[in-house]
């Protein structure tokens, strides 16, 4: 799969969840996940 296909798949998974909670750490993963959730128009809560 290409990067764009993987990103679209992630957005689909997030939309199926409807709402997500993201715990921030010192890495880039939570920021990426928050951006993907926002792009998918999913309610995202972060701490």
C-alpha atoms as a PDB file:
ATOM      1  CA  UNK A   1       0.000   0.000   0.000  1.00  0.00           C
ATOM      2  CA  UNK A   2       1.052   3.524  -0.589  1.00  0.00           C
ATOM      3  CA  UNK A   3       1.202   6.178   2.101  1.00  0.00           C
ATOM      4  CA  UNK A   4      -2.009   7.873   0.934  1.00  0.00           C
ATOM      5  CA  UNK A   5      -3.898   4.566   0.954  1.00  0.00           C
ATOM      6  CA  UNK A   6      -2.707   3.827   4.492  1.00  0.00           C
ATOM      7  CA  UNK A   7      -3.741   7.303   5.639  1.00  0.00           C
ATOM      8  CA  UNK A   8      -7.199   6.852   4.118  1.00  0.00           C
ATOM      9  CA  UNK A   9      -7.508   3.465   5.813  1.00  0.00           C
ATOM     10  CA  UNK A  10      -6.592   5.057   9.160  1.00  0.00           C
ATOM     11  CA  UNK A  11      -9.212   7.757   8.629  1.00  0.00           C
ATOM     12  CA  UNK A  12     -11.833   5.107   7.848  1.00  0.00           C
ATOM     13  CA  UNK A  13     -10.999   3.253  11.067  1.00  0.00           C
ATOM     14  CA  UNK A  14     -11.220   6.497  13.048  1.00  0.00           C
ATOM     15  CA  UNK A  15     -14.602   7.387  11.485  1.00  0.00           C
ATOM     16  CA  UNK A  16     -15.945   3.985  12.513  1.00  0.00           C
ATOM     17  CA  UNK A  17     -14.974   4.820  16.116  1.00  0.00           C
ATOM     18  CA  UNK A  18     -16.777   8.197  15.924  1.00  0.00           C
ATOM     19  CA  UNK A  19     -14.853   9.495  18.965  1.00  0.00           C
ATOM     20  CA  UNK A  20     -11.264   8.919  20.096  1.00  0.00           C
ATOM     21  CA  UNK A  21      -9.112   9.720  23.123  1.00  0.00           C
ATOM     22  CA  UNK A  22      -5.453  10.488  22.464  1.00  0.00           C
ATOM     23  CA  UNK A  23      -2.807  10.535  25.200  1.00  0.00           C
ATOM     24  CA  UNK A  24       0.125  12.784  24.368  1.00  0.00           C
ATOM     25  CA  UNK A  25       3.709  11.741  24.903  1.00  0.00           C
ATOM     26  CA  UNK A  26       6.978  13.247  23.755  1.00  0.00           C
ATOM     27  CA  UNK A  27       6.803  11.594  20.333  1.00  0.00           C
ATOM     28  CA  UNK A  28       5.178  12.557  17.064  1.00  0.00           C
ATOM     29  CA  UNK A  29       2.708   9.641  16.995  1.00  0.00           C
ATOM     30  CA  UNK A  30      -0.025  11.345  19.063  1.00  0.00           C
ATOM     31  CA  UNK A  31       0.229  14.526  16.986  1.00  0.00           C
ATOM     32  CA  UNK A  32      -0.082  12.514  13.786  1.00  0.00           C
ATOM     33  CA  UNK A  33      -3.061  10.606  15.183  1.00  0.00           C
ATOM     34  CA  UNK A  34      -4.768  13.844  16.257  1.00  0.00           C
ATOM     35  CA  UNK A  35      -4.275  15.296  12.767  1.00  0.00           C
ATOM     36  CA  UNK A  36      -5.691  12.154  11.172  1.00  0.00           C
ATOM     37  CA  UNK A  37      -8.708  12.293  13.496  1.00  0.00           C
ATOM     38  CA  UNK A  38      -9.301  15.944  12.647  1.00  0.00           C
ATOM     39  CA  UNK A  39      -9.001  15.221   8.924  1.00  0.00           C
ATOM     40  CA  UNK A  40     -11.533  12.397   9.342  1.00  0.00           C
ATOM     41  CA  UNK A  41     -13.889  14.813  11.153  1.00  0.00           C
ATOM     42  CA  UNK A  42     -13.889  12.660  14.292  1.00  0.00           C
ATOM     43  CA  UNK A  43     -14.315  14.083  17.760  1.00  0.00           C
ATOM     44  CA  UNK A  44     -10.911  13.762  19.426  1.00  0.00           C
ATOM     45  CA  UNK A  45     -10.131  14.322  23.086  1.00  0.00           C
ATOM     46  CA  UNK A  46      -6.515  14.649  24.130  1.00  0.00           C
ATOM     47  CA  UNK A  47      -4.687  14.801  27.410  1.00  0.00           C
END
